[in-house]
Each structure stands twice: as structure tokens, then as C-alpha cells.
Protein backbone atom coordinates (compact mmCIF):
# COMPACT_ATOMS: atom_id res chain seq x y z
CA MET A 1 -59.83 181.51 -169.37
CA ASP A 2 -57.97 180.95 -172.87
CA PRO A 3 -58.70 177.82 -174.45
CA ASN A 4 -55.55 178.10 -176.44
CA LYS A 5 -53.29 179.30 -173.62
CA THR A 6 -51.81 176.36 -170.66
CA THR A 7 -51.72 177.35 -166.87
CA LEU A 8 -47.93 177.57 -167.15
CA GLU A 9 -48.15 179.69 -170.21
CA ARG A 10 -50.69 182.11 -168.35
CA ALA A 11 -48.46 182.17 -165.02
CA PHE A 12 -45.73 183.52 -167.50
CA GLU A 13 -47.80 186.44 -168.97
CA LEU A 14 -49.36 187.65 -165.54
CA ALA A 15 -45.58 187.59 -164.06
CA LYS A 16 -43.88 189.95 -167.06
CA SER A 17 -47.15 191.87 -167.02
CA GLY A 18 -45.48 194.29 -163.74
CA ARG A 19 -48.94 194.07 -162.18
CA TYR A 20 -48.01 191.35 -159.08
CA THR A 21 -45.51 191.27 -156.71
CA THR A 22 -45.84 187.75 -155.44
CA ASN A 23 -46.06 184.04 -156.88
CA GLY A 24 -49.16 183.54 -154.16
CA GLU A 25 -50.63 186.69 -156.76
CA ILE A 26 -50.30 184.79 -159.54
CA LYS A 27 -51.99 181.47 -158.40
CA GLN A 28 -54.85 183.62 -156.94
CA VAL A 29 -55.41 185.45 -160.52
CA LEU A 30 -54.70 181.96 -162.21
CA ALA A 31 -57.69 180.58 -159.97
CA GLN A 32 -59.93 183.85 -160.75
CA GLU A 33 -59.56 182.96 -164.45
CA GLY A 34 -60.36 179.31 -164.01
CA TYR A 35 -57.22 177.82 -164.46
CA THR A 36 -55.81 175.17 -162.01
CA ALA A 37 -53.22 176.83 -160.22
CA SER A 38 -52.04 173.79 -158.53
CA GLN A 39 -49.83 173.19 -161.46
CA ILE A 40 -47.75 176.16 -160.38
CA THR A 41 -45.56 173.99 -158.28
CA GLY A 42 -42.08 172.99 -157.65
CA PRO A 43 -38.84 175.05 -155.98
CA ALA A 44 -37.55 176.07 -159.91
CA LEU A 45 -40.83 177.13 -161.75
CA MET A 46 -41.18 179.47 -158.44
CA ARG A 47 -37.29 180.86 -158.60
CA GLN A 48 -37.75 181.27 -161.97
CA LEU A 49 -41.36 183.26 -161.48
CA ARG A 50 -40.26 185.32 -158.54
CA GLN A 51 -37.31 186.46 -160.48
CA ILE A 52 -39.69 187.84 -163.26
CA LEU A 53 -41.48 189.25 -160.80
CA ILE A 54 -38.51 191.35 -159.86
CA ASP A 55 -37.51 192.07 -163.41
CA SER A 56 -40.82 193.35 -164.65
CA ARG A 57 -41.04 195.63 -161.67
CA ALA A 58 -37.68 196.97 -162.59
CA HIS A 59 -38.59 198.14 -165.62
């Protein structure tokens, strides 16, 4: 866990990495890294992360 990085920032980094395919995987990695994955919630945020996951796999 990077103390200078918020859970949301890390979630976006993970989504952009192209290594994950679902929001559930992102939440799991966040929890493993010591972040509070329960902060990643809400339909708009979940859609945004899902779109980033899709876009990152297309490249």
C-alpha cells in the first residue's frame, strides 16, 4: 500500500494496467494491498472502471 495514494487512485491504476478483467478483481487486489476496497462502490464509478478495463484490454 502506498500511503500517498488513495484507494480510488489505486483502483484506476489497476484498471488501466490491462491485467484485470472485472471490478471484482480490482477490489480483490486492493484488499490484498491493504486498501479499503469497500470504498469502491456506486453505479457510476463501477461503470467508469468497467469501461477502463475494456479499453485497456483493447490496446
